[in-house]
Amino acid sequence: MQTGDKAPELLGRDENGNEVRLSDFAGRKLALYFYPKDMTSGCTSQACNLRDNYKELKAAGYEVVGVSVDDEKSHQKFIAKNELPFPLIADTEKKLVEEFGVWGEKSMYGRKYFGTFRTTFIIGEDGTVERIIGPKQIKVKDHAAQILAGK
């Protein structure tokens, strides 16, 4: 998925098994953020930063939806523990991470494995990708400000 591409209508299912569709956010910008794993330190910092700045994001016309390959039960615990006010898509079949091109080989401590590259896609009111904040750019403790900066 590149800037200018049209995002898919069906994004997936949230923590409660409800379908999440692009049209649910018509007339608003969508910050669709992909993260590696529930309950890990970086992902918790990022989610809490978005939570703490949620009112500002909404006031600026943004909706926030998180995506990871964790299941619905894991997402429910993550949301409850961190009081997250936005939905999380359970992409257990890896459809969305692959469609957006954020699933691939990673390396940690010399060990290679497959996982999600932390990436945020800003999708405009018309459903096209306006901006991509890539893995090397994301600051987990200041991510809301990056979204709001519009750069």
C-alpha atoms as a PDB file:
ATOM      1  CA  MET A   1       0.000   0.000   0.000  1.00  0.00           C
ATOM      2  CA  GLN A   2       1.432   3.324  -1.089  1.00  0.00           C
ATOM      3  CA  THR A   3       0.407   6.960  -0.794  1.00  0.00           C
ATOM      4  CA  GLY A   4      -2.504   7.580  -3.184  1.00  0.00           C
ATOM      5  CA  ASP A   5      -3.739   3.970  -3.068  1.00  0.00           C
ATOM      6  CA  LYS A   6      -7.353   3.272  -2.146  1.00  0.00           C
ATOM      7  CA  ALA A   7      -7.671   1.442   1.166  1.00  0.00           C
ATOM      8  CA  PRO A   8      -9.852  -1.701   1.263  1.00  0.00           C
ATOM      9  CA  GLU A   9     -13.478  -1.325   2.383  1.00  0.00           C
ATOM     10  CA  LEU A  10     -13.412  -4.288   4.769  1.00  0.00           C
ATOM     11  CA  LEU A  11     -10.599  -3.815   7.259  1.00  0.00           C
ATOM     12  CA  GLY A  12     -11.319  -6.801   9.482  1.00  0.00           C
ATOM     13  CA  ARG A  13     -12.971  -7.676  12.796  1.00  0.00           C
ATOM     14  CA  ASP A  14     -12.456  -5.828  16.048  1.00  0.00           C
ATOM     15  CA  GLU A  15     -11.938  -7.155  19.576  1.00  0.00           C
ATOM     16  CA  ASN A  16     -15.674  -7.946  19.829  1.00  0.00           C
ATOM     17  CA  GLY A  17     -15.932  -9.712  16.470  1.00  0.00           C
ATOM     18  CA  ASN A  18     -17.636  -6.754  14.778  1.00  0.00           C
ATOM     19  CA  GLU A  19     -16.740  -5.916  11.180  1.00  0.00           C
ATOM     20  CA  VAL A  20     -14.698  -2.747  10.797  1.00  0.00           C
ATOM     21  CA  ARG A  21     -15.264  -1.014   7.467  1.00  0.00           C
ATOM     22  CA  LEU A  22     -13.636   2.010   5.911  1.00  0.00           C
ATOM     23  CA  SER A  23     -17.103   3.494   5.363  1.00  0.00           C
ATOM     24  CA  ASP A  24     -17.593   3.509   9.171  1.00  0.00           C
ATOM     25  CA  PHE A  25     -15.222   6.494   9.185  1.00  0.00           C
ATOM     26  CA  ALA A  26     -16.690   8.414   6.228  1.00  0.00           C
ATOM     27  CA  GLY A  27     -15.939  12.124   6.419  1.00  0.00           C
ATOM     28  CA  ARG A  28     -13.065  11.667   8.869  1.00  0.00           C
ATOM     29  CA  LYS A  29      -9.391  10.826   8.560  1.00  0.00           C
ATOM     30  CA  LEU A  30      -8.370   7.394   9.814  1.00  0.00           C
ATOM     31  CA  ALA A  31      -5.086   6.726  11.577  1.00  0.00           C
ATOM     32  CA  LEU A  32      -4.772   2.981  10.955  1.00  0.00           C
ATOM     33  CA  TYR A  33      -1.812   1.879  12.995  1.00  0.00           C
ATOM     34  CA  PHE A  34      -0.175  -1.515  12.758  1.00  0.00           C
ATOM     35  CA  TYR A  35       1.803  -2.734  15.752  1.00  0.00           C
ATOM     36  CA  PRO A  36       3.647  -5.972  16.542  1.00  0.00           C
ATOM     37  CA  LYS A  37       2.066  -7.363  19.746  1.00  0.00           C
ATOM     38  CA  ASP A  38      -0.352  -6.658  22.586  1.00  0.00           C
ATOM     39  CA  MET A  39       1.135  -6.173  26.069  1.00  0.00           C
ATOM     40  CA  THR A  40       4.708  -5.474  24.922  1.00  0.00           C
ATOM     41  CA  SER A  41       6.446  -2.326  26.176  1.00  0.00           C
ATOM     42  CA  GLY A  42       6.731  -0.440  22.863  1.00  0.00           C
ATOM     43  CA  CYS A  43       3.207  -1.295  21.767  1.00  0.00           C
ATOM     44  CA  THR A  44       1.790  -0.346  25.168  1.00  0.00           C
ATOM     45  CA  SER A  45       3.657   3.002  25.082  1.00  0.00           C
ATOM     46  CA  GLN A  46       2.289   3.708  21.600  1.00  0.00           C
ATOM     47  CA  ALA A  47      -1.305   2.732  22.477  1.00  0.00           C
ATOM     48  CA  CYS A  48      -1.235   4.780  25.698  1.00  0.00           C
ATOM     49  CA  ASN A  49       0.150   7.823  23.881  1.00  0.00           C
ATOM     50  CA  LEU A  50      -2.729   7.596  21.397  1.00  0.00           C
ATOM     51  CA  ARG A  51      -5.163   7.113  24.309  1.00  0.00           C
ATOM     52  CA  ASP A  52      -3.805  10.117  26.208  1.00  0.00           C
ATOM     53  CA  ASN A  53      -4.163  12.322  23.117  1.00  0.00           C
ATOM     54  CA  TYR A  54      -7.379  10.782  21.800  1.00  0.00           C
ATOM     55  CA  LYS A  55      -9.495  13.906  22.410  1.00  0.00           C
ATOM     56  CA  GLU A  56      -7.026  16.038  20.434  1.00  0.00           C
ATOM     57  CA  LEU A  57      -6.941  13.495  17.601  1.00  0.00           C
ATOM     58  CA  LYS A  58     -10.762  13.368  17.443  1.00  0.00           C
ATOM     59  CA  ALA A  59     -10.970  17.185  17.590  1.00  0.00           C
ATOM     60  CA  ALA A  60      -8.576  17.347  14.613  1.00  0.00           C
ATOM     61  CA  GLY A  61     -10.853  15.002  12.622  1.00  0.00           C
ATOM     62  CA  TYR A  62      -9.038  11.693  13.176  1.00  0.00           C
ATOM     63  CA  GLU A  63     -10.359   8.288  14.116  1.00  0.00           C
ATOM     64  CA  VAL A  64      -7.874   5.734  15.459  1.00  0.00           C
ATOM     65  CA  VAL A  65      -7.873   1.990  14.820  1.00  0.00           C
ATOM     66  CA  GLY A  66      -5.071  -0.372  15.830  1.00  0.00           C
ATOM     67  CA  VAL A  67      -4.194  -3.606  14.039  1.00  0.00           C
ATOM     68  CA  SER A  68      -2.111  -6.581  15.137  1.00  0.00           C
ATOM     69  CA  VAL A  69      -2.182 -10.307  14.470  1.00  0.00           C
ATOM     70  CA  ASP A  70      -3.227 -11.003  18.082  1.00  0.00           C
ATOM     71  CA  ASP A  71      -6.657 -12.565  18.614  1.00  0.00           C
ATOM     72  CA  GLU A  72      -9.829 -10.922  19.943  1.00  0.00           C
ATOM     73  CA  LYS A  73      -9.283 -12.177  23.509  1.00  0.00           C
ATOM     74  CA  SER A  74      -5.777 -10.697  23.621  1.00  0.00           C
ATOM     75  CA  HIS A  75      -7.126  -7.379  22.295  1.00  0.00           C
ATOM     76  CA  GLN A  76      -9.887  -7.335  24.930  1.00  0.00           C
ATOM     77  CA  LYS A  77      -7.291  -7.722  27.709  1.00  0.00           C
ATOM     78  CA  PHE A  78      -5.016  -5.079  26.141  1.00  0.00           C
ATOM     79  CA  ILE A  79      -7.906  -2.604  25.845  1.00  0.00           C
ATOM     80  CA  ALA A  80      -9.130  -3.272  29.407  1.00  0.00           C
ATOM     81  CA  LYS A  81      -5.683  -3.067  30.971  1.00  0.00           C
ATOM     82  CA  ASN A  82      -4.806   0.211  29.234  1.00  0.00           C
ATOM     83  CA  GLU A  83      -8.330   1.724  29.003  1.00  0.00           C
ATOM     84  CA  LEU A  84      -8.051   2.192  25.242  1.00  0.00           C
ATOM     85  CA  PRO A  85     -10.931   4.208  23.725  1.00  0.00           C
ATOM     86  CA  PHE A  86     -10.460   2.913  20.162  1.00  0.00           C
ATOM     87  CA  PRO A  87     -10.976  -0.467  18.479  1.00  0.00           C
ATOM     88  CA  LEU A  88      -8.261  -2.998  17.692  1.00  0.00           C
ATOM     89  CA  ILE A  89      -8.539  -5.261  14.660  1.00  0.00           C
ATOM     90  CA  ALA A  90      -7.648  -8.907  15.259  1.00  0.00           C
ATOM     91  CA  ASP A  91      -5.862  -9.756  11.995  1.00  0.00           C
ATOM     92  CA  THR A  92      -5.205 -13.378  12.955  1.00  0.00           C
ATOM     93  CA  GLU A  93      -5.240 -14.537   9.322  1.00  0.00           C
ATOM     94  CA  LYS A  94      -2.705 -11.805   8.418  1.00  0.00           C
ATOM     95  CA  LYS A  95      -4.874 -10.514   5.549  1.00  0.00           C
ATOM     96  CA  LEU A  96      -4.592  -6.815   6.399  1.00  0.00           C
ATOM     97  CA  VAL A  97      -0.896  -6.826   7.361  1.00  0.00           C
ATOM     98  CA  GLU A  98      -0.090  -8.488   4.049  1.00  0.00           C
ATOM     99  CA  GLU A  99      -2.393  -6.225   2.025  1.00  0.00           C
ATOM    100  CA  PHE A 100      -0.753  -3.133   3.549  1.00  0.00           C
ATOM    101  CA  GLY A 101       2.739  -4.627   3.156  1.00  0.00           C
ATOM    102  CA  VAL A 102       3.703  -4.466   6.832  1.00  0.00           C
ATOM    103  CA  TRP A 103       4.295  -8.194   7.407  1.00  0.00           C
ATOM    104  CA  GLY A 104       7.778  -9.498   6.815  1.00  0.00           C
ATOM    105  CA  GLU A 105      11.034 -10.904   8.083  1.00  0.00           C
ATOM    106  CA  LYS A 106      12.461  -9.213  11.146  1.00  0.00           C
ATOM    107  CA  SER A 107      15.565  -9.828  13.168  1.00  0.00           C
ATOM    108  CA  MET A 108      16.180  -9.504  16.891  1.00  0.00           C
ATOM    109  CA  TYR A 109      19.363 -10.554  18.666  1.00  0.00           C
ATOM    110  CA  GLY A 110      20.424 -12.396  15.528  1.00  0.00           C
ATOM    111  CA  ARG A 111      17.232 -14.445  15.407  1.00  0.00           C
ATOM    112  CA  LYS A 112      15.093 -14.110  12.286  1.00  0.00           C
ATOM    113  CA  TYR A 113      11.315 -14.337  12.454  1.00  0.00           C
ATOM    114  CA  PHE A 114       8.219 -12.952  10.738  1.00  0.00           C
ATOM    115  CA  GLY A 115       6.263 -10.121  12.273  1.00  0.00           C
ATOM    116  CA  THR A 116       4.509  -6.803  11.830  1.00  0.00           C
ATOM    117  CA  PHE A 117       6.472  -3.669  11.007  1.00  0.00           C
ATOM    118  CA  ARG A 118       5.180  -0.812  13.183  1.00  0.00           C
ATOM    119  CA  THR A 119       3.573   1.466  10.578  1.00  0.00           C
ATOM    120  CA  THR A 120       0.749   4.025  10.560  1.00  0.00           C
ATOM    121  CA  PHE A 121      -1.346   4.800   7.494  1.00  0.00           C
ATOM    122  CA  ILE A 122      -3.266   8.057   7.431  1.00  0.00           C
ATOM    123  CA  ILE A 123      -6.312   7.452   5.263  1.00  0.00           C
ATOM    124  CA  GLY A 124      -8.178  10.521   4.029  1.00  0.00           C
ATOM    125  CA  GLU A 125     -11.903  11.180   3.997  1.00  0.00           C
ATOM    126  CA  ASP A 126     -12.045   9.802   0.439  1.00  0.00           C
ATOM    127  CA  GLY A 127     -10.514   6.450   1.451  1.00  0.00           C
ATOM    128  CA  THR A 128      -7.077   6.970  -0.083  1.00  0.00           C
ATOM    129  CA  VAL A 129      -3.786   6.710   1.759  1.00  0.00           C
ATOM    130  CA  GLU A 130      -2.559  10.267   2.307  1.00  0.00           C
ATOM    131  CA  ARG A 131       0.502   9.596   4.378  1.00  0.00           C
ATOM    132  CA  ILE A 132       2.566   6.732   5.777  1.00  0.00           C
ATOM    133  CA  ILE A 133       4.585   6.933   8.967  1.00  0.00           C
ATOM    134  CA  GLY A 134       7.092   4.105   8.674  1.00  0.00           C
ATOM    135  CA  PRO A 135       8.818   1.877  11.237  1.00  0.00           C
ATOM    136  CA  LYS A 136      11.980   3.985  11.399  1.00  0.00           C
ATOM    137  CA  GLN A 137       9.987   7.220  11.863  1.00  0.00           C
ATOM    138  CA  ILE A 138       7.511   6.231  14.571  1.00  0.00           C
ATOM    139  CA  LYS A 139       8.191   7.491  18.072  1.00  0.00           C
ATOM    140  CA  VAL A 140       6.010   5.299  20.308  1.00  0.00           C
ATOM    141  CA  LYS A 141       5.917   7.810  23.181  1.00  0.00           C
ATOM    142  CA  ASP A 142       5.024  10.742  20.907  1.00  0.00           C
ATOM    143  CA  HIS A 143       3.018   9.122  18.126  1.00  0.00           C
ATOM    144  CA  ALA A 144      -0.140  11.239  18.447  1.00  0.00           C
ATOM    145  CA  ALA A 145       1.933  14.385  17.886  1.00  0.00           C
ATOM    146  CA  GLN A 146       3.404  12.800  14.742  1.00  0.00           C
ATOM    147  CA  ILE A 147      -0.104  12.146  13.418  1.00  0.00           C
ATOM    148  CA  LEU A 148      -1.305  15.629  14.328  1.00  0.00           C
ATOM    149  CA  ALA A 149       1.781  17.261  12.758  1.00  0.00           C
ATOM    150  CA  GLY A 150       0.560  16.050   9.365  1.00  0.00           C
ATOM    151  CA  LYS A 151       4.069  15.354   8.079  1.00  0.00           C
END
